Amino acid sequence: MTDSLRDQLLNLGFKPAPAPERKPGGKPPHAKSVAGQGKPGGTRGERRDGAASRGPRKPGAHGGSAEMDLGKAFALRAQKEKQERIEAEQRRQEEARQRREARARLEALLQDKGLNDPAAEIARHFEYGGKIKRIYVNEAQLKALNAGELGVVQLNGRYLLVEAAVLAEAEAVFPAALALKVDPSAPAGDDPYADPRYQVPDDLVW
C-alpha cells in the first residue's frame, strides 16, 4: 500500500492496527524454540539430568558389592566351622589312640601282678566313677589295704588288688585306672568304707 492510499484511508476514518505488546526482555509470541521445538525438557528421548547418555541403569548395581561381601563372609565361616570339626575329630581320634596305648601298657604292667584271693569273703567297698564298687579280700589284705600297702586298679572291667609300688606305676601309666588308693594318714571319716563292719546293701553296689 502506497503512502497516498494510507493517507486516504486515514482521512476516511480508518485507524491503524495496534502493534502487539512485548514484555521487556521477552520473545515475540510467534517465536518458537529452535532447540526444543517448543517443548520443555529438550529434544525427544533426552533426559534433563543427562542420564540418557549413560545408558539404562542395571538393577542391583549398588547392592552387588554388599551381596558379594556377605557371600564371602558366609563362605569363610563355613570353611572355619568345617576346619574346627576336622580338628575336633582329629583330637578325639588322638585321645582314643592314647587311651588304647595306655591300656595296653597297663595290661602288660599288671600281668601276673594281681593279688586277688579267690577264697576271700570280706567285701571292701569303695567309690569309683561316682558309684559304689567292691572287691573281696581276706583279713590280712584288708588291713594292708587300709594301711595303704595295697591298692586297687581297674582293668577291663575287673578290679585287681596290687602292691603299693605297682599301684604307683599303674597310676603313672593310666591315671583313670586307679580305683582305690588309701592314705593311711587321712582321717578315718574320709573313707567310711574302711571299717569292715560297714556293710553296703547289694542293691547299692554297681
C-alpha atoms as a PDB file:
ATOM      1  CA  MET A   1       0.000   0.000   0.000  1.00  0.00           C
ATOM      2  CA  THR A   2       1.385   3.402  -1.035  1.00  0.00           C
ATOM      3  CA  ASP A   3       1.558   6.361   1.294  1.00  0.00           C
ATOM      4  CA  SER A   4      -1.094   8.169  -0.660  1.00  0.00           C
ATOM      5  CA  LEU A   5      -3.572   5.334  -0.227  1.00  0.00           C
ATOM      6  CA  ARG A   6      -2.694   5.042   3.544  1.00  0.00           C
ATOM      7  CA  ASP A   7      -3.282   8.741   3.934  1.00  0.00           C
ATOM      8  CA  GLN A   8      -6.597   8.478   2.145  1.00  0.00           C
ATOM      9  CA  LEU A   9      -7.744   5.670   4.432  1.00  0.00           C
ATOM     10  CA  LEU A  10      -6.752   7.618   7.492  1.00  0.00           C
ATOM     11  CA  ASN A  11      -8.671  10.567   6.212  1.00  0.00           C
ATOM     12  CA  LEU A  12     -11.738   8.392   5.762  1.00  0.00           C
ATOM     13  CA  GLY A  13     -11.635   7.419   9.489  1.00  0.00           C
ATOM     14  CA  PHE A  14      -9.736   4.122   9.431  1.00  0.00           C
ATOM     15  CA  LYS A  15      -7.321   3.651  12.303  1.00  0.00           C
ATOM     16  CA  PRO A  16      -4.050   1.776  12.029  1.00  0.00           C
ATOM     17  CA  ALA A  17      -3.935  -1.710  13.714  1.00  0.00           C
ATOM     18  CA  PRO A  18      -2.327  -1.566  17.182  1.00  0.00           C
ATOM     19  CA  ALA A  19       1.148  -3.114  17.456  1.00  0.00           C
ATOM     20  CA  PRO A  20       1.350  -6.308  19.563  1.00  0.00           C
ATOM     21  CA  GLU A  21       2.567  -5.786  23.153  1.00  0.00           C
ATOM     22  CA  ARG A  22       6.006  -7.173  24.091  1.00  0.00           C
ATOM     23  CA  LYS A  23       7.300  -7.784  27.593  1.00  0.00           C
ATOM     24  CA  PRO A  24      10.686  -6.412  28.418  1.00  0.00           C
ATOM     25  CA  GLY A  25      13.343  -8.974  27.517  1.00  0.00           C
ATOM     26  CA  GLY A  26      10.741 -11.463  26.220  1.00  0.00           C
ATOM     27  CA  LYS A  27      10.274 -13.046  22.840  1.00  0.00           C
ATOM     28  CA  PRO A  28       7.551 -12.354  20.354  1.00  0.00           C
ATOM     29  CA  PRO A  29       4.540 -14.663  20.772  1.00  0.00           C
ATOM     30  CA  HIS A  30       5.209 -16.227  17.464  1.00  0.00           C
ATOM     31  CA  ALA A  31       8.788 -17.172  18.402  1.00  0.00           C
ATOM     32  CA  LYS A  32       9.450 -20.904  18.624  1.00  0.00           C
ATOM     33  CA  SER A  33      12.109 -22.767  20.466  1.00  0.00           C
ATOM     34  CA  VAL A  34      14.617 -23.944  17.970  1.00  0.00           C
ATOM     35  CA  ALA A  35      16.470 -26.315  20.284  1.00  0.00           C
ATOM     36  CA  GLY A  36      13.456 -27.859  21.985  1.00  0.00           C
ATOM     37  CA  GLN A  37      10.791 -27.318  19.294  1.00  0.00           C
ATOM     38  CA  GLY A  38       8.677 -25.519  21.877  1.00  0.00           C
ATOM     39  CA  LYS A  39       8.674 -28.486  24.383  1.00  0.00           C
ATOM     40  CA  PRO A  40      10.292 -28.139  27.797  1.00  0.00           C
ATOM     41  CA  GLY A  41      12.924 -30.616  28.705  1.00  0.00           C
ATOM     42  CA  GLY A  42      14.850 -30.684  25.461  1.00  0.00           C
ATOM     43  CA  THR A  43      14.540 -32.963  22.465  1.00  0.00           C
ATOM     44  CA  ARG A  44      12.651 -36.254  22.442  1.00  0.00           C
ATOM     45  CA  GLY A  45      14.454 -39.068  24.218  1.00  0.00           C
ATOM     46  CA  GLU A  46      16.819 -36.665  26.043  1.00  0.00           C
ATOM     47  CA  ARG A  47      16.681 -36.625  29.887  1.00  0.00           C
ATOM     48  CA  ARG A  48      17.239 -33.377  31.725  1.00  0.00           C
ATOM     49  CA  ASP A  49      19.918 -34.895  34.011  1.00  0.00           C
ATOM     50  CA  GLY A  50      21.841 -36.295  31.076  1.00  0.00           C
ATOM     51  CA  ALA A  51      21.247 -39.856  32.272  1.00  0.00           C
ATOM     52  CA  ALA A  52      20.237 -40.971  28.784  1.00  0.00           C
ATOM     53  CA  SER A  53      23.786 -40.581  27.590  1.00  0.00           C
ATOM     54  CA  ARG A  54      24.963 -43.036  30.278  1.00  0.00           C
ATOM     55  CA  GLY A  55      22.633 -45.833  29.218  1.00  0.00           C
ATOM     56  CA  PRO A  56      20.000 -47.716  31.247  1.00  0.00           C
ATOM     57  CA  ARG A  57      20.743 -48.426  34.898  1.00  0.00           C
ATOM     58  CA  LYS A  58      21.134 -52.107  35.807  1.00  0.00           C
ATOM     59  CA  PRO A  59      19.041 -53.347  38.702  1.00  0.00           C
ATOM     60  CA  GLY A  60      21.002 -54.162  41.857  1.00  0.00           C
ATOM     61  CA  ALA A  61      24.056 -52.226  40.718  1.00  0.00           C
ATOM     62  CA  HIS A  62      24.548 -50.547  44.107  1.00  0.00           C
ATOM     63  CA  GLY A  63      23.894 -53.730  46.195  1.00  0.00           C
ATOM     64  CA  GLY A  64      26.159 -56.026  44.211  1.00  0.00           C
ATOM     65  CA  SER A  65      29.260 -55.312  46.312  1.00  0.00           C
ATOM     66  CA  ALA A  66      27.396 -55.830  49.602  1.00  0.00           C
ATOM     67  CA  GLU A  67      25.931 -59.120  48.397  1.00  0.00           C
ATOM     68  CA  MET A  68      29.361 -60.317  47.312  1.00  0.00           C
ATOM     69  CA  ASP A  69      30.891 -59.380  50.691  1.00  0.00           C
ATOM     70  CA  LEU A  70      28.097 -61.185  52.550  1.00  0.00           C
ATOM     71  CA  GLY A  71      28.504 -64.305  50.450  1.00  0.00           C
ATOM     72  CA  LYS A  72      32.241 -64.250  51.040  1.00  0.00           C
ATOM     73  CA  ALA A  73      31.687 -63.959  54.810  1.00  0.00           C
ATOM     74  CA  PHE A  74      29.330 -66.960  54.792  1.00  0.00           C
ATOM     75  CA  ALA A  75      31.846 -68.984  52.817  1.00  0.00           C
ATOM     76  CA  LEU A  76      34.679 -68.108  55.211  1.00  0.00           C
ATOM     77  CA  ARG A  77      32.555 -69.004  58.244  1.00  0.00           C
ATOM     78  CA  ALA A  78      31.531 -72.337  56.724  1.00  0.00           C
ATOM     79  CA  GLN A  79      35.160 -73.112  55.926  1.00  0.00           C
ATOM     80  CA  LYS A  80      36.207 -72.222  59.502  1.00  0.00           C
ATOM     81  CA  GLU A  81      33.481 -74.411  61.041  1.00  0.00           C
ATOM     82  CA  LYS A  82      34.489 -77.296  58.806  1.00  0.00           C
ATOM     83  CA  GLN A  83      38.122 -76.904  59.826  1.00  0.00           C
ATOM     84  CA  GLU A  84      37.124 -76.821  63.512  1.00  0.00           C
ATOM     85  CA  ARG A  85      35.111 -80.035  63.104  1.00  0.00           C
ATOM     86  CA  ILE A  86      38.063 -81.712  61.411  1.00  0.00           C
ATOM     87  CA  GLU A  87      40.430 -80.622  64.179  1.00  0.00           C
ATOM     88  CA  ALA A  88      37.992 -81.756  66.914  1.00  0.00           C
ATOM     89  CA  GLU A  89      37.651 -85.160  65.264  1.00  0.00           C
ATOM     90  CA  GLN A  90      41.424 -85.430  64.994  1.00  0.00           C
ATOM     91  CA  ARG A  91      41.747 -84.624  68.710  1.00  0.00           C
ATOM     92  CA  ARG A  92      39.172 -87.284  69.604  1.00  0.00           C
ATOM     93  CA  GLN A  93      40.959 -89.849  67.500  1.00  0.00           C
ATOM     94  CA  GLU A  94      44.291 -88.921  69.050  1.00  0.00           C
ATOM     95  CA  GLU A  95      42.881 -89.167  72.578  1.00  0.00           C
ATOM     96  CA  ALA A  96      41.299 -92.526  71.786  1.00  0.00           C
ATOM     97  CA  ARG A  97      44.615 -93.752  70.400  1.00  0.00           C
ATOM     98  CA  GLN A  98      46.440 -92.614  73.518  1.00  0.00           C
ATOM     99  CA  ARG A  99      43.886 -94.360  75.764  1.00  0.00           C
ATOM    100  CA  ARG A 100      44.254 -97.603  73.826  1.00  0.00           C
ATOM    101  CA  GLU A 101      48.012 -97.451  74.096  1.00  0.00           C
ATOM    102  CA  ALA A 102      47.849 -96.615  77.823  1.00  0.00           C
ATOM    103  CA  ARG A 103      45.509 -99.538  78.492  1.00  0.00           C
ATOM    104  CA  ALA A 104      47.827-101.847  76.584  1.00  0.00           C
ATOM    105  CA  ARG A 105      50.813-100.702  78.673  1.00  0.00           C
ATOM    106  CA  LEU A 106      48.741-101.053  81.847  1.00  0.00           C
ATOM    107  CA  GLU A 107      47.697-104.571  80.937  1.00  0.00           C
ATOM    108  CA  ALA A 108      51.319-105.516  80.318  1.00  0.00           C
ATOM    109  CA  LEU A 109      52.331-103.929  83.629  1.00  0.00           C
ATOM    110  CA  LEU A 110      49.695-105.782  85.644  1.00  0.00           C
ATOM    111  CA  GLN A 111      50.448-109.138  84.074  1.00  0.00           C
ATOM    112  CA  ASP A 112      50.650-111.638  86.966  1.00  0.00           C
ATOM    113  CA  LYS A 113      50.646-108.753  89.498  1.00  0.00           C
ATOM    114  CA  GLY A 114      47.130-109.251  90.816  1.00  0.00           C
ATOM    115  CA  LEU A 115      46.835-110.419  94.464  1.00  0.00           C
ATOM    116  CA  ASN A 116      43.131-111.258  94.431  1.00  0.00           C
ATOM    117  CA  ASP A 117      42.304-114.174  96.745  1.00  0.00           C
ATOM    118  CA  PRO A 118      39.630-116.498  95.261  1.00  0.00           C
ATOM    119  CA  ALA A 119      38.726-117.610  98.784  1.00  0.00           C
ATOM    120  CA  ALA A 120      38.340-114.092 100.179  1.00  0.00           C
ATOM    121  CA  GLU A 121      34.984-113.362 101.798  1.00  0.00           C
ATOM    122  CA  ILE A 122      35.353-109.805 103.137  1.00  0.00           C
ATOM    123  CA  ALA A 123      33.796-107.181 100.893  1.00  0.00           C
ATOM    124  CA  ARG A 124      35.822-103.984 100.794  1.00  0.00           C
ATOM    125  CA  HIS A 125      33.673-101.231  99.350  1.00  0.00           C
ATOM    126  CA  PHE A 126      34.966 -98.080  97.699  1.00  0.00           C
ATOM    127  CA  GLU A 127      33.713 -95.330  95.432  1.00  0.00           C
ATOM    128  CA  TYR A 128      34.877 -95.290  91.828  1.00  0.00           C
ATOM    129  CA  GLY A 129      33.443 -93.416  88.877  1.00  0.00           C
ATOM    130  CA  GLY A 130      30.667 -91.949  91.018  1.00  0.00           C
ATOM    131  CA  LYS A 131      29.401 -95.401  92.017  1.00  0.00           C
ATOM    132  CA  ILE A 132      29.992 -97.785  94.897  1.00  0.00           C
ATOM    133  CA  LYS A 133      32.213-100.722  93.950  1.00  0.00           C
ATOM    134  CA  ARG A 134      33.642-103.629  95.956  1.00  0.00           C
ATOM    135  CA  ILE A 135      36.471-106.108  95.960  1.00  0.00           C
ATOM    136  CA  TYR A 136      36.724-109.248  98.107  1.00  0.00           C
ATOM    137  CA  VAL A 137      39.777-109.502 100.327  1.00  0.00           C
ATOM    138  CA  ASN A 138      40.906-111.629 103.267  1.00  0.00           C
ATOM    139  CA  GLU A 139      41.559-110.209 106.705  1.00  0.00           C
ATOM    140  CA  ALA A 140      45.278-109.620 106.150  1.00  0.00           C
ATOM    141  CA  GLN A 141      44.672-107.934 102.791  1.00  0.00           C
ATOM    142  CA  LEU A 142      42.019-105.695 104.326  1.00  0.00           C
ATOM    143  CA  LYS A 143      44.482-104.417 106.935  1.00  0.00           C
ATOM    144  CA  ALA A 144      47.171-103.880 104.314  1.00  0.00           C
ATOM    145  CA  LEU A 145      44.701-102.130 102.005  1.00  0.00           C
ATOM    146  CA  ASN A 146      43.524 -99.760 104.748  1.00  0.00           C
ATOM    147  CA  ALA A 147      47.163 -99.072 105.662  1.00  0.00           C
ATOM    148  CA  GLY A 148      47.973 -98.011 102.075  1.00  0.00           C
ATOM    149  CA  GLU A 149      50.255-101.010 101.495  1.00  0.00           C
ATOM    150  CA  LEU A 150      47.902-102.344  98.807  1.00  0.00           C
ATOM    151  CA  GLY A 151      45.666-100.681  96.265  1.00  0.00           C
ATOM    152  CA  VAL A 152      43.007-101.453  93.668  1.00  0.00           C
ATOM    153  CA  VAL A 153      43.304-100.960  89.901  1.00  0.00           C
ATOM    154  CA  GLN A 154      40.524-101.310  87.349  1.00  0.00           C
ATOM    155  CA  LEU A 155      41.451-103.283  84.232  1.00  0.00           C
ATOM    156  CA  ASN A 156      38.988-104.417  81.572  1.00  0.00           C
ATOM    157  CA  GLY A 157      36.053-104.256  83.977  1.00  0.00           C
ATOM    158  CA  ARG A 158      37.856-106.178  86.767  1.00  0.00           C
ATOM    159  CA  TYR A 159      39.311-104.841  89.998  1.00  0.00           C
ATOM    160  CA  LEU A 160      42.790-106.074  90.820  1.00  0.00           C
ATOM    161  CA  LEU A 161      44.422-105.907  94.223  1.00  0.00           C
ATOM    162  CA  VAL A 162      48.066-104.886  93.807  1.00  0.00           C
ATOM    163  CA  GLU A 163      51.005-103.743  95.899  1.00  0.00           C
ATOM    164  CA  ALA A 164      51.519-100.002  96.521  1.00  0.00           C
ATOM    165  CA  ALA A 165      54.564 -99.866  94.225  1.00  0.00           C
ATOM    166  CA  VAL A 166      52.626-101.418  91.350  1.00  0.00           C
ATOM    167  CA  LEU A 167      49.733 -99.086  92.087  1.00  0.00           C
ATOM    168  CA  ALA A 168      52.041 -96.086  91.681  1.00  0.00           C
ATOM    169  CA  GLU A 169      53.315 -97.385  88.330  1.00  0.00           C
ATOM    170  CA  ALA A 170      49.762 -98.028  87.138  1.00  0.00           C
ATOM    171  CA  GLU A 171      48.743 -94.501  88.131  1.00  0.00           C
ATOM    172  CA  ALA A 172      51.624 -93.097  86.093  1.00  0.00           C
ATOM    173  CA  VAL A 173      50.684 -95.151  83.038  1.00  0.00           C
ATOM    174  CA  PHE A 174      46.912 -94.643  83.121  1.00  0.00           C
ATOM    175  CA  PRO A 175      45.593 -92.469  85.992  1.00  0.00           C
ATOM    176  CA  ALA A 176      41.970 -93.231  85.166  1.00  0.00           C
ATOM    177  CA  ALA A 177      42.506 -96.862  86.111  1.00  0.00           C
ATOM    178  CA  LEU A 178      43.301 -96.007  89.727  1.00  0.00           C
ATOM    179  CA  ALA A 179      40.278 -97.308  91.670  1.00  0.00           C
ATOM    180  CA  LEU A 180      41.345 -97.253  95.332  1.00  0.00           C
ATOM    181  CA  LYS A 181      44.400 -95.688  96.924  1.00  0.00           C
ATOM    182  CA  VAL A 182      44.214 -95.295 100.669  1.00  0.00           C
ATOM    183  CA  ASP A 183      46.099 -92.561 102.501  1.00  0.00           C
ATOM    184  CA  PRO A 184      46.818 -94.012 105.953  1.00  0.00           C
ATOM    185  CA  SER A 185      47.372 -90.542 107.425  1.00  0.00           C
ATOM    186  CA  ALA A 186      43.920 -89.318 106.347  1.00  0.00           C
ATOM    187  CA  PRO A 187      41.142 -89.109 108.977  1.00  0.00           C
ATOM    188  CA  ALA A 188      39.035 -92.248 109.255  1.00  0.00           C
ATOM    189  CA  GLY A 189      35.926 -90.287 108.332  1.00  0.00           C
ATOM    190  CA  ASP A 190      37.310 -89.612 104.840  1.00  0.00           C
ATOM    191  CA  ASP A 191      36.840 -93.291 103.933  1.00  0.00           C
ATOM    192  CA  PRO A 192      33.717 -94.657 105.655  1.00  0.00           C
ATOM    193  CA  TYR A 193      34.062 -97.953 103.758  1.00  0.00           C
ATOM    194  CA  ALA A 194      37.373 -98.808 105.523  1.00  0.00           C
ATOM    195  CA  ASP A 195      35.559-100.284 108.523  1.00  0.00           C
ATOM    196  CA  PRO A 196      34.877-103.979 107.762  1.00  0.00           C
ATOM    197  CA  ARG A 197      31.745-103.750 109.856  1.00  0.00           C
ATOM    198  CA  TYR A 198      30.368-101.229 107.418  1.00  0.00           C
ATOM    199  CA  GLN A 199      28.039-103.079 105.103  1.00  0.00           C
ATOM    200  CA  VAL A 200      26.581-101.744 101.880  1.00  0.00           C
ATOM    201  CA  PRO A 201      23.348-103.320 100.603  1.00  0.00           C
ATOM    202  CA  ASP A 202      23.813-105.231  97.371  1.00  0.00           C
ATOM    203  CA  ASP A 203      21.261-103.069  95.578  1.00  0.00           C
ATOM    204  CA  LEU A 204      23.503-100.029  96.118  1.00  0.00           C
ATOM    205  CA  VAL A 205      26.539-101.634  94.533  1.00  0.00           C
ATOM    206  CA  TRP A 206      27.009-101.282  90.768  1.00  0.00           C
END
